[in-house]
Protein backbone atom coordinates (compact mmCIF):
# COMPACT_ATOMS: atom_id res chain seq x y z
CA MET A 1 -56.14 -38.76 -15.86
CA ASN A 2 -55.97 -35.49 -13.93
CA PHE A 3 -57.92 -37.11 -11.12
CA ARG A 4 -55.41 -39.97 -10.96
CA ARG A 5 -52.43 -37.60 -10.79
CA ARG A 6 -54.01 -35.72 -7.85
CA PHE A 7 -54.76 -39.02 -6.11
CA ILE A 8 -51.10 -40.06 -6.37
CA GLN A 9 -49.62 -36.67 -5.42
CA LEU A 10 -51.58 -36.12 -2.20
CA PRO A 11 -50.08 -39.10 -0.32
CA LEU A 12 -46.63 -38.06 -1.53
CA ALA A 13 -47.13 -34.55 -0.14
CA ALA A 14 -48.28 -36.00 3.19
CA ALA A 15 -45.24 -38.24 3.29
CA VAL A 16 -42.95 -35.28 2.68
CA LEU A 17 -44.60 -33.36 5.54
CA THR A 18 -44.30 -36.37 7.84
CA LEU A 19 -40.63 -36.78 6.99
CA GLY A 20 -40.08 -33.06 7.55
CA ALA A 21 -41.68 -33.22 10.99
CA ALA A 22 -39.68 -36.32 11.88
CA SER A 23 -36.48 -34.62 10.73
CA ALA A 24 -37.25 -31.55 12.86
CA TRP A 25 -37.96 -33.77 15.87
CA ALA A 26 -34.72 -35.68 15.33
CA GLN A 27 -32.77 -32.44 15.20
CA GLY A 28 -33.95 -31.66 18.71
CA VAL A 29 -35.10 -28.46 20.35
CA THR A 30 -33.31 -25.59 22.05
CA LEU A 31 -34.64 -23.55 24.98
CA LEU A 32 -33.33 -20.27 26.35
CA ASN A 33 -33.72 -19.79 30.11
CA VAL A 34 -33.28 -16.13 31.03
CA SER A 35 -32.51 -15.98 34.73
CA TYR A 36 -30.88 -13.83 37.38
CA ASP A 37 -27.29 -13.86 38.61
CA PRO A 38 -26.97 -16.48 41.41
CA THR A 39 -28.81 -19.31 39.61
CA ARG A 40 -25.99 -20.13 37.18
CA GLU A 41 -24.75 -23.21 39.01
CA LEU A 42 -28.25 -24.42 39.86
CA TYR A 43 -29.37 -24.44 36.23
CA VAL A 44 -26.18 -26.01 34.89
CA GLU A 45 -26.99 -29.16 36.88
CA PHE A 46 -30.75 -28.91 36.48
CA ASN A 47 -30.50 -28.50 32.70
CA GLN A 48 -28.44 -31.67 32.41
CA ALA A 49 -30.95 -33.60 34.51
CA PHE A 50 -33.93 -32.33 32.53
CA ALA A 51 -32.30 -33.04 29.15
CA LYS A 52 -31.69 -36.64 30.24
CA HIS A 53 -35.29 -36.95 31.48
CA TRP A 54 -36.79 -35.45 28.31
CA LYS A 55 -34.71 -37.73 26.08
CA ALA A 56 -35.82 -40.79 28.05
CA GLN A 57 -39.48 -39.73 27.92
CA THR A 58 -39.71 -38.55 24.30
CA GLY A 59 -36.59 -39.62 22.43
CA GLN A 60 -35.91 -36.00 21.57
CA ASP A 61 -32.70 -34.12 22.39
CA VAL A 62 -33.10 -30.78 24.15
CA THR A 63 -30.42 -28.15 24.64
CA ILE A 64 -30.96 -25.45 27.26
CA LYS A 65 -29.04 -22.22 26.96
CA GLN A 66 -28.66 -19.90 29.95
CA SER A 67 -28.60 -16.11 30.24
CA HIS A 68 -27.83 -14.45 33.58
CA GLY A 69 -27.66 -10.91 34.92
CA GLY A 70 -29.46 -8.54 37.24
CA SER A 71 -33.11 -9.60 37.36
CA GLY A 72 -34.57 -6.24 36.37
CA LYS A 73 -32.08 -5.93 33.54
CA GLN A 74 -32.94 -9.46 32.37
CA ALA A 75 -36.65 -8.65 32.33
CA ARG A 76 -35.92 -5.57 30.22
CA SER A 77 -33.89 -7.70 27.79
CA ILE A 78 -36.88 -10.00 27.22
CA ILE A 79 -39.16 -7.01 26.74
CA ASP A 80 -36.67 -5.61 24.23
CA GLY A 81 -36.65 -8.84 22.23
CA LEU A 82 -34.37 -11.44 23.84
CA GLU A 83 -36.00 -14.69 22.72
CA ALA A 84 -36.45 -16.38 26.10
CA ASP A 85 -38.57 -19.52 26.18
CA VAL A 86 -38.70 -19.40 29.99
CA ALA A 87 -37.97 -16.66 32.51
CA THR A 88 -36.73 -17.65 35.97
CA LEU A 89 -36.30 -14.23 37.54
CA ALA A 90 -35.55 -13.10 41.09
CA LEU A 91 -38.95 -11.71 41.95
CA ALA A 92 -42.53 -11.72 40.76
CA GLY A 93 -42.42 -7.97 40.17
CA ASP A 94 -39.85 -8.37 37.40
CA THR A 95 -41.91 -11.19 35.88
CA ASP A 96 -45.09 -9.07 36.03
CA ALA A 97 -43.26 -6.52 33.88
CA LEU A 98 -43.25 -9.04 31.04
CA HIS A 99 -47.04 -8.87 30.96
CA ALA A 100 -47.30 -5.13 31.50
CA ASN A 101 -44.78 -4.28 28.78
CA GLY A 102 -45.83 -6.06 25.63
CA GLY A 103 -47.96 -8.93 26.86
CA TRP A 104 -45.13 -11.45 26.66
CA ILE A 105 -46.85 -13.60 29.29
CA ALA A 106 -50.43 -14.05 30.48
CA LYS A 107 -51.65 -11.85 33.31
CA ASP A 108 -52.43 -14.90 35.47
CA TRP A 109 -49.01 -16.51 34.89
CA GLN A 110 -48.45 -17.01 38.63
CA LYS A 111 -51.43 -19.37 38.87
CA ARG A 112 -50.12 -21.81 36.28
CA LEU A 113 -47.69 -23.67 38.57
CA PRO A 114 -47.79 -24.66 42.26
CA HIS A 115 -46.68 -22.38 45.09
CA ASN A 116 -47.45 -19.25 43.04
CA SER A 117 -44.97 -20.44 40.39
CA ALA A 118 -42.10 -20.28 42.91
CA PRO A 119 -40.51 -23.78 43.05
CA TYR A 120 -37.84 -22.66 45.53
CA THR A 121 -37.35 -19.87 48.04
CA SER A 122 -34.40 -18.09 49.58
CA THR A 123 -33.63 -15.23 51.93
CA ILE A 124 -31.08 -12.48 52.54
CA VAL A 125 -28.04 -12.92 54.81
CA LEU A 126 -24.79 -11.12 55.58
CA VAL A 127 -21.37 -12.35 54.44
CA VAL A 128 -18.36 -11.06 56.38
CA ARG A 129 -14.61 -11.60 56.39
CA GLN A 130 -13.36 -14.69 58.21
CA GLY A 131 -13.52 -14.29 61.96
CA ASN A 132 -15.91 -11.34 61.54
CA PRO A 133 -13.26 -8.74 62.46
CA LYS A 134 -15.78 -5.85 62.43
CA GLY A 135 -18.17 -7.69 64.78
CA ILE A 136 -21.16 -7.55 62.42
CA LYS A 137 -24.15 -9.35 63.93
CA ASP A 138 -27.26 -7.64 62.57
CA TRP A 139 -28.59 -4.94 60.25
CA ASP A 140 -27.75 -2.26 62.85
CA ASP A 141 -24.05 -2.83 62.30
CA LEU A 142 -24.26 -1.94 58.63
CA VAL A 143 -24.88 1.76 59.39
CA ARG A 144 -21.94 2.15 61.75
CA PRO A 145 -19.30 4.68 60.67
CA GLY A 146 -16.42 3.08 58.83
CA ILE A 147 -18.32 -0.06 57.74
CA SER A 148 -18.11 -0.69 53.99
CA VAL A 149 -21.19 -2.49 52.61
CA ILE A 150 -21.37 -4.30 49.27
CA THR A 151 -24.81 -4.64 47.66
CA PRO A 152 -25.98 -4.33 44.03
CA ASN A 153 -28.18 -1.66 42.49
CA PRO A 154 -31.93 -2.13 43.14
CA LYS A 155 -32.71 -0.38 39.87
CA THR A 156 -31.23 -3.34 37.96
CA SER A 157 -30.98 -6.24 40.45
CA GLY A 158 -33.84 -8.23 41.96
CA GLY A 159 -31.59 -9.44 44.77
CA ALA A 160 -30.77 -5.85 45.62
CA ARG A 161 -34.48 -5.10 46.03
CA TRP A 162 -34.83 -7.95 48.49
CA ASN A 163 -31.76 -6.56 50.34
CA TYR A 164 -33.19 -3.06 50.47
CA LEU A 165 -36.62 -4.14 51.69
CA ALA A 166 -35.18 -6.49 54.32
CA ALA A 167 -33.15 -3.62 55.80
CA TRP A 168 -36.14 -1.25 55.59
CA GLU A 169 -38.50 -3.61 57.42
CA PHE A 170 -35.91 -4.34 60.12
CA ALA A 171 -35.54 -0.63 60.84
CA LYS A 172 -39.27 0.03 60.61
CA ARG A 173 -39.95 -2.61 63.27
CA LYS A 174 -37.06 -1.68 65.53
CA TYR A 175 -37.24 2.11 65.39
CA GLY A 176 -40.89 2.66 64.52
CA GLY A 177 -42.32 3.86 61.22
CA ASP A 178 -41.29 4.49 57.64
CA ALA A 179 -39.54 7.78 58.36
CA LYS A 180 -37.13 6.05 60.73
CA ALA A 181 -36.68 3.22 58.23
CA LYS A 182 -35.88 5.67 55.43
CA ASP A 183 -33.27 7.37 57.59
CA PHE A 184 -31.74 4.00 58.45
CA VAL A 185 -31.53 2.85 54.83
CA THR A 186 -30.12 6.24 53.82
CA ARG A 187 -27.29 5.74 56.30
CA LEU A 188 -26.79 2.18 55.08
CA TYR A 189 -26.36 3.28 51.45
CA ALA A 190 -24.00 6.02 52.57
CA ASN A 191 -21.70 3.10 53.49
CA VAL A 192 -21.98 1.50 50.01
CA PRO A 193 -18.93 2.40 47.88
CA VAL A 194 -20.12 0.86 44.60
CA LEU A 195 -23.39 -0.45 43.16
CA ASP A 196 -22.88 -3.38 40.77
CA THR A 197 -25.70 -4.19 38.35
CA GLY A 198 -26.30 -7.69 39.73
CA ALA A 199 -25.72 -9.97 42.71
CA ARG A 200 -22.92 -11.94 41.05
CA GLY A 201 -21.05 -8.72 40.29
CA SER A 202 -21.27 -7.72 43.94
CA SER A 203 -20.13 -11.20 44.95
CA VAL A 204 -17.01 -10.77 42.79
CA THR A 205 -16.42 -7.29 44.21
CA PHE A 206 -16.49 -8.64 47.75
CA ALA A 207 -14.81 -12.03 47.44
CA GLN A 208 -12.34 -11.60 44.58
CA ARG A 209 -11.59 -7.88 44.65
CA ASN A 210 -11.62 -7.82 48.45
CA GLN A 211 -13.73 -4.69 48.71
CA GLY A 212 -16.05 -4.13 51.67
CA ASP A 213 -16.49 -5.45 55.18
CA VAL A 214 -19.87 -7.07 54.59
CA PHE A 215 -21.78 -8.30 51.55
CA ILE A 216 -25.61 -8.34 51.66
CA SER A 217 -26.26 -11.60 49.87
CA TRP A 218 -28.73 -14.17 48.70
CA GLU A 219 -28.50 -17.13 51.07
CA ASN A 220 -27.49 -19.51 48.27
CA GLU A 221 -24.83 -17.10 47.00
CA ALA A 222 -23.43 -16.85 50.53
CA TYR A 223 -23.09 -20.63 50.71
CA LEU A 224 -21.39 -20.73 47.32
CA LEU A 225 -18.88 -18.13 48.53
CA GLU A 226 -18.30 -20.08 51.72
CA LYS A 227 -17.77 -23.22 49.62
CA GLU A 228 -15.26 -21.50 47.31
CA PHE A 229 -13.62 -19.10 49.76
CA GLY A 230 -14.19 -20.99 53.02
CA SER A 231 -10.98 -19.72 54.56
CA LYS A 232 -11.87 -16.10 53.82
CA VAL A 233 -15.57 -15.57 54.61
CA ASP A 234 -18.22 -16.31 57.24
CA VAL A 235 -22.01 -16.17 56.98
CA VAL A 236 -24.03 -14.17 59.52
CA TYR A 237 -27.79 -14.63 59.87
CA PRO A 238 -29.52 -11.39 60.93
CA SER A 239 -32.37 -11.33 63.47
CA LEU A 240 -34.94 -10.67 60.74
CA SER A 241 -34.98 -11.17 56.98
CA ILE A 242 -37.33 -11.47 54.05
CA LEU A 243 -38.82 -14.59 52.43
CA ALA A 244 -37.60 -14.36 48.85
CA GLU A 245 -39.75 -16.22 46.31
CA PRO A 246 -38.12 -16.30 42.87
CA ALA A 247 -40.75 -17.05 40.25
CA VAL A 248 -40.72 -18.96 36.95
CA THR A 249 -42.83 -18.79 33.80
CA VAL A 250 -43.02 -19.78 30.17
CA VAL A 251 -42.61 -16.69 27.96
CA ASP A 252 -45.79 -17.28 26.01
CA LYS A 253 -45.18 -15.15 22.93
CA ASN A 254 -41.77 -16.63 22.26
CA ALA A 255 -42.64 -20.24 23.10
CA ASP A 256 -45.72 -20.20 20.88
CA ARG A 257 -43.91 -18.54 17.99
CA LYS A 258 -40.95 -20.95 18.22
CA GLY A 259 -43.10 -24.04 18.84
CA THR A 260 -41.39 -24.82 22.15
CA ARG A 261 -44.30 -24.53 24.56
CA ALA A 262 -44.59 -28.25 25.35
CA VAL A 263 -40.94 -28.68 26.28
CA ALA A 264 -40.81 -25.29 28.05
CA GLU A 265 -43.77 -26.23 30.25
CA ALA A 266 -42.25 -29.63 30.99
CA TYR A 267 -38.94 -27.95 31.87
CA LEU A 268 -40.53 -25.75 34.54
CA LYS A 269 -42.71 -28.55 35.89
CA TYR A 270 -39.58 -30.64 36.37
CA LEU A 271 -38.42 -28.13 39.00
CA TYR A 272 -41.27 -29.47 41.16
CA THR A 273 -40.31 -33.14 40.87
CA GLU A 274 -38.33 -34.96 43.54
CA GLU A 275 -35.18 -34.78 41.42
CA GLY A 276 -35.71 -31.10 40.67
CA GLN A 277 -36.30 -30.27 44.33
CA ASP A 278 -33.22 -32.23 45.35
CA ILE A 279 -31.07 -30.26 42.88
CA VAL A 280 -32.58 -27.06 44.31
CA GLY A 281 -31.47 -28.07 47.81
CA ARG A 282 -27.99 -29.09 46.66
CA HIS A 283 -27.49 -25.57 45.37
CA PHE A 284 -28.57 -23.98 48.65
CA TYR A 285 -32.04 -22.88 47.62
CA ARG A 286 -34.90 -23.85 49.92
CA PRO A 287 -37.17 -26.50 48.30
CA ALA A 288 -40.75 -25.23 48.22
CA ILE A 289 -42.71 -28.43 47.50
CA SER A 290 -40.94 -31.68 48.35
CA GLU A 291 -41.14 -32.65 52.01
CA LYS A 292 -38.37 -35.18 51.38
CA ALA A 293 -36.02 -32.49 50.05
CA LYS A 294 -37.00 -30.08 52.83
CA ALA A 295 -36.08 -32.67 55.45
CA LYS A 296 -32.86 -33.65 53.68
CA TYR A 297 -31.53 -30.08 53.55
CA ALA A 298 -33.08 -28.66 56.72
CA LYS A 299 -29.78 -28.59 58.61
CA GLN A 300 -28.15 -26.24 56.12
CA PHE A 301 -30.84 -23.58 56.64
CA PRO A 302 -30.73 -22.15 60.20
CA ALA A 303 -34.02 -21.02 61.74
CA LEU A 304 -34.68 -17.38 60.93
CA GLN A 305 -37.59 -15.01 61.43
CA LEU A 306 -38.89 -14.20 57.96
CA PHE A 307 -41.54 -11.78 56.72
CA THR A 308 -43.24 -11.68 53.32
CA ILE A 309 -43.37 -8.94 50.73
CA ASP A 310 -47.18 -9.03 50.79
CA ALA A 311 -47.47 -8.63 54.56
CA ALA A 312 -44.84 -5.92 54.95
CA PHE A 313 -45.13 -3.93 51.72
CA GLY A 314 -48.48 -4.81 50.16
CA GLY A 315 -46.99 -6.87 47.32
CA TRP A 316 -44.47 -6.17 44.59
CA GLU A 317 -46.54 -3.68 42.62
CA LYS A 318 -46.87 -1.36 45.62
CA ALA A 319 -43.27 -1.95 46.78
CA ALA A 320 -41.94 -1.07 43.33
CA LYS A 321 -44.03 2.09 43.17
CA ASP A 322 -43.08 3.25 46.67
CA HIS A 323 -39.39 2.35 46.59
CA PHE A 324 -37.95 1.65 43.13
CA ALA A 325 -39.87 3.72 40.60
CA ASP A 326 -38.30 6.92 39.31
CA HIS A 327 -38.18 9.52 42.10
CA ALA A 328 -39.37 6.98 44.71
CA SER A 329 -37.54 6.29 47.97
CA PHE A 330 -34.38 4.71 46.55
CA ASP A 331 -33.81 7.59 44.14
CA GLN A 332 -34.36 10.05 47.00
CA ILE A 333 -31.91 8.15 49.21
CA TYR A 334 -29.21 7.74 46.60
CA ILE A 335 -29.44 11.33 45.36
CA LYS A 336 -29.07 12.40 48.99
CA LYS A 337 -25.98 10.17 49.26
């Protein structure tokens, strides 16, 4: 009799588990994408496209929530417990911090997706007032007396670090050596009236609060400003800039704990599809993989001499140590200011 009861109960238990799993699947899944400031518009459209794709492929609903801020600050939020399923930060150095501070991601995270896990690239340009009344043409002009420069804080913003290093390398090449470059960047920051925590904050300071003569900007952010404030701003391409490679990763600890790894991985891989790359181009990022998207959007990206972080600064680990760690060059420069 006891044997018979056990025989009947086991299939019932299995059925309950199956129904529970089906119910959870039907309820859908939610992802949190923790990103940096200028990707807001990109991911609004991309999230909608991916949700439609995932539903068609699996029948499951997916909701993607977005969090934006200065890249360094966003990395710290994940380290401090923000439950990101994916991190799409401004630079690999901020993403590396997720491994170094708590093992939130695998050490080899950058090898898990094509193009070193950077599905799109960008660069740094200069945004000026319409008609360029101050005659700003290159980095040199940013250190002239009386020029007010808007740029965020490199201690909290990934974009600001790209800005800083682009200016440093320009001066190093033009004037010869790091000492000359440090003097140049010191004079540049002497012309900076306020340091916002992120690129979007600096964009608001320049475009909406009308502070500054020039805004050192992500290329995509500059195009968004031109699109919104076309009668008020112009974009200037300097003679030299940096190849910015924002990187993406699944946040392993969170995705595994929450059971979202499969959809999180699919979400990032979708950035590399033709549709994903086309959305990238529509939002003024440079597609990294799709030749079709590269050709389609080539005209909106003027030719520009670009250098890489690895070639000029020995990679992000060394650049962070030399320039952005406590008491490194930025602290020395800003204290001097």
